[in-house]
Amino acid sequence: MKYILEIEEDKVSVAEELFKSIPYVRKVVAIQPNEIVNQSICNSIEQYENGKVKPTPLSLVDLKQMLHV
């Protein structure tokens, strides 16, 4: 199970040490604000970069219709 916590910048090191001291916590990792962590999005990006998935052409008019419906 994963949790995302927001911690004040000046308390990050204290929080990391606290979580690392708990025996059943396996891993403590800081996530940057611009980092993608959703695994399905990461897989989709990887598939596109490897050429396994081709993007679907979509006109701006169609996109606007989808958003305003």
N, C-alpha and C. Protein backbone atom coordinates (compact mmCIF):
# COMPACT_ATOMS: atom_id res chain seq x y z
N MET A 1 0.85 -1.16 0.00
CA MET A 1 0.00 0.00 0.00
C MET A 1 0.89 1.23 0.00
N LYS A 2 0.45 2.28 -0.69
CA LYS A 2 1.23 3.50 -0.78
C LYS A 2 0.42 4.66 -0.23
N TYR A 3 1.13 5.58 0.41
CA TYR A 3 0.54 6.81 0.91
C TYR A 3 1.34 7.98 0.39
N ILE A 4 0.68 9.08 0.15
CA ILE A 4 1.36 10.32 -0.22
C ILE A 4 1.10 11.32 0.89
N LEU A 5 2.17 11.83 1.48
CA LEU A 5 2.08 12.79 2.58
C LEU A 5 2.67 14.11 2.15
N GLU A 6 2.08 15.18 2.61
CA GLU A 6 2.66 16.50 2.38
C GLU A 6 3.27 16.96 3.70
N ILE A 7 4.58 17.23 3.65
CA ILE A 7 5.33 17.57 4.86
C ILE A 7 6.02 18.90 4.63
N GLU A 8 6.06 19.72 5.66
CA GLU A 8 6.73 21.01 5.57
C GLU A 8 8.21 20.79 5.24
N GLU A 9 8.76 21.68 4.41
CA GLU A 9 10.13 21.53 3.93
C GLU A 9 11.16 21.40 5.06
N ASP A 10 10.97 22.13 6.12
CA ASP A 10 11.96 22.09 7.21
C ASP A 10 11.85 20.84 8.07
N LYS A 11 10.82 20.02 7.86
CA LYS A 11 10.61 18.81 8.65
C LYS A 11 10.81 17.52 7.85
N VAL A 12 11.23 17.64 6.61
CA VAL A 12 11.36 16.46 5.74
C VAL A 12 12.33 15.44 6.31
N SER A 13 13.51 15.87 6.72
CA SER A 13 14.51 14.92 7.21
C SER A 13 14.02 14.21 8.48
N VAL A 14 13.33 14.93 9.35
CA VAL A 14 12.78 14.32 10.57
C VAL A 14 11.74 13.27 10.21
N ALA A 15 10.86 13.61 9.26
CA ALA A 15 9.81 12.67 8.85
C ALA A 15 10.40 11.43 8.20
N GLU A 16 11.41 11.61 7.33
CA GLU A 16 12.04 10.46 6.68
C GLU A 16 12.67 9.53 7.71
N GLU A 17 13.37 10.08 8.67
CA GLU A 17 13.99 9.25 9.71
C GLU A 17 12.93 8.53 10.54
N LEU A 18 11.84 9.21 10.81
CA LEU A 18 10.75 8.59 11.57
C LEU A 18 10.20 7.39 10.82
N PHE A 19 9.88 7.56 9.54
CA PHE A 19 9.30 6.47 8.76
C PHE A 19 10.30 5.33 8.57
N LYS A 20 11.59 5.65 8.39
CA LYS A 20 12.60 4.61 8.22
C LYS A 20 12.79 3.79 9.50
N SER A 21 12.48 4.37 10.64
CA SER A 21 12.65 3.66 11.91
C SER A 21 11.51 2.68 12.19
N ILE A 22 10.43 2.76 11.44
CA ILE A 22 9.30 1.84 11.64
C ILE A 22 9.60 0.55 10.88
N PRO A 23 9.60 -0.58 11.57
CA PRO A 23 10.05 -1.84 10.94
C PRO A 23 9.22 -2.28 9.73
N TYR A 24 7.94 -2.02 9.69
CA TYR A 24 7.12 -2.52 8.59
C TYR A 24 7.04 -1.53 7.41
N VAL A 25 7.70 -0.40 7.50
CA VAL A 25 7.79 0.53 6.37
C VAL A 25 8.97 0.08 5.52
N ARG A 26 8.69 -0.31 4.28
CA ARG A 26 9.72 -0.87 3.42
C ARG A 26 10.56 0.18 2.72
N LYS A 27 9.93 1.31 2.31
CA LYS A 27 10.65 2.25 1.47
C LYS A 27 10.09 3.65 1.70
N VAL A 28 10.97 4.63 1.78
CA VAL A 28 10.58 6.03 1.92
C VAL A 28 11.20 6.78 0.74
N VAL A 29 10.35 7.38 -0.11
CA VAL A 29 10.82 8.07 -1.29
C VAL A 29 10.13 9.42 -1.40
N ALA A 30 10.89 10.46 -1.66
CA ALA A 30 10.32 11.79 -1.88
C ALA A 30 9.88 11.89 -3.34
N ILE A 31 8.68 12.38 -3.57
CA ILE A 31 8.14 12.54 -4.92
C ILE A 31 8.13 14.02 -5.26
N GLN A 32 8.73 14.36 -6.38
CA GLN A 32 8.79 15.75 -6.83
C GLN A 32 7.41 16.19 -7.35
N PRO A 33 7.10 17.48 -7.26
CA PRO A 33 5.78 17.95 -7.70
C PRO A 33 5.47 17.66 -9.17
N ASN A 34 6.49 17.62 -10.02
CA ASN A 34 6.25 17.38 -11.44
C ASN A 34 6.47 15.92 -11.85
N GLU A 35 6.60 15.02 -10.88
CA GLU A 35 6.87 13.62 -11.17
C GLU A 35 5.57 12.86 -11.35
N ILE A 36 5.51 12.01 -12.40
CA ILE A 36 4.33 11.19 -12.67
C ILE A 36 4.50 9.88 -11.91
N VAL A 37 3.56 9.57 -11.03
CA VAL A 37 3.66 8.35 -10.24
C VAL A 37 2.54 7.36 -10.53
N ASN A 38 1.55 7.76 -11.29
CA ASN A 38 0.46 6.85 -11.64
C ASN A 38 1.00 5.81 -12.62
N GLN A 39 0.97 4.55 -12.22
CA GLN A 39 1.59 3.49 -13.00
C GLN A 39 0.95 3.31 -14.37
N SER A 40 -0.36 3.50 -14.49
CA SER A 40 -1.01 3.34 -15.79
C SER A 40 -0.57 4.44 -16.75
N ILE A 41 -0.36 5.66 -16.26
CA ILE A 41 0.13 6.74 -17.11
C ILE A 41 1.57 6.47 -17.52
N CYS A 42 2.39 6.01 -16.58
CA CYS A 42 3.79 5.68 -16.90
C CYS A 42 3.86 4.58 -17.96
N ASN A 43 3.01 3.55 -17.83
CA ASN A 43 2.99 2.47 -18.82
C ASN A 43 2.55 2.99 -20.18
N SER A 44 1.55 3.86 -20.21
CA SER A 44 1.08 4.42 -21.47
C SER A 44 2.17 5.23 -22.15
N ILE A 45 2.89 6.04 -21.40
CA ILE A 45 3.99 6.83 -21.96
C ILE A 45 5.09 5.90 -22.51
N GLU A 46 5.41 4.87 -21.74
CA GLU A 46 6.45 3.93 -22.18
C GLU A 46 6.05 3.20 -23.46
N GLN A 47 4.78 2.78 -23.54
CA GLN A 47 4.30 2.10 -24.75
C GLN A 47 4.38 3.02 -25.96
N TYR A 48 4.01 4.29 -25.78
CA TYR A 48 4.09 5.25 -26.88
C TYR A 48 5.54 5.47 -27.31
N GLU A 49 6.44 5.63 -26.33
CA GLU A 49 7.84 5.86 -26.66
C GLU A 49 8.48 4.66 -27.36
N ASN A 50 8.02 3.45 -27.03
CA ASN A 50 8.55 2.24 -27.66
C ASN A 50 7.87 1.91 -28.98
N GLY A 51 6.85 2.70 -29.37
CA GLY A 51 6.16 2.48 -30.64
C GLY A 51 5.12 1.39 -30.59
N LYS A 52 4.75 0.92 -29.42
CA LYS A 52 3.75 -0.14 -29.29
C LYS A 52 2.34 0.40 -29.46
N VAL A 53 2.15 1.70 -29.21
CA VAL A 53 0.84 2.33 -29.31
C VAL A 53 0.99 3.56 -30.19
N LYS A 54 0.06 3.71 -31.12
CA LYS A 54 0.05 4.89 -31.98
C LYS A 54 -1.03 5.84 -31.48
N PRO A 55 -0.75 7.15 -31.48
CA PRO A 55 -1.75 8.11 -31.03
C PRO A 55 -2.96 8.14 -31.97
N THR A 56 -4.12 8.40 -31.41
CA THR A 56 -5.34 8.50 -32.20
C THR A 56 -5.48 9.94 -32.69
N PRO A 57 -5.60 10.13 -34.01
CA PRO A 57 -5.77 11.49 -34.51
C PRO A 57 -7.10 12.08 -34.01
N LEU A 58 -7.06 13.33 -33.60
CA LEU A 58 -8.25 13.99 -33.07
C LEU A 58 -8.18 15.46 -33.43
N SER A 59 -9.25 15.94 -34.05
CA SER A 59 -9.25 17.36 -34.43
C SER A 59 -9.62 18.20 -33.22
N LEU A 60 -9.27 19.46 -33.26
CA LEU A 60 -9.59 20.38 -32.19
C LEU A 60 -11.10 20.53 -32.03
N VAL A 61 -11.85 20.51 -33.13
CA VAL A 61 -13.30 20.61 -33.09
C VAL A 61 -13.89 19.42 -32.33
N ASP A 62 -13.41 18.22 -32.64
CA ASP A 62 -13.89 17.01 -31.94
C ASP A 62 -13.57 17.07 -30.45
N LEU A 63 -12.38 17.54 -30.13
CA LEU A 63 -11.97 17.65 -28.73
C LEU A 63 -12.88 18.62 -27.98
N LYS A 64 -13.16 19.76 -28.60
CA LYS A 64 -14.05 20.73 -27.96
C LYS A 64 -15.45 20.16 -27.74
N GLN A 65 -15.94 19.40 -28.70
CA GLN A 65 -17.25 18.76 -28.56
C GLN A 65 -17.25 17.76 -27.40
N MET A 66 -16.17 17.03 -27.25
CA MET A 66 -16.08 16.05 -26.16
C MET A 66 -16.06 16.75 -24.80
N LEU A 67 -15.40 17.89 -24.73
CA LEU A 67 -15.27 18.61 -23.46
C LEU A 67 -16.55 19.34 -23.08
N HIS A 68 -17.33 19.80 -24.05
CA HIS A 68 -18.50 20.61 -23.78
C HIS A 68 -19.80 19.81 -23.77
N VAL A 69 -19.74 18.52 -23.93
CA VAL A 69 -20.96 17.70 -23.94
C VAL A 69 -21.37 17.33 -22.55
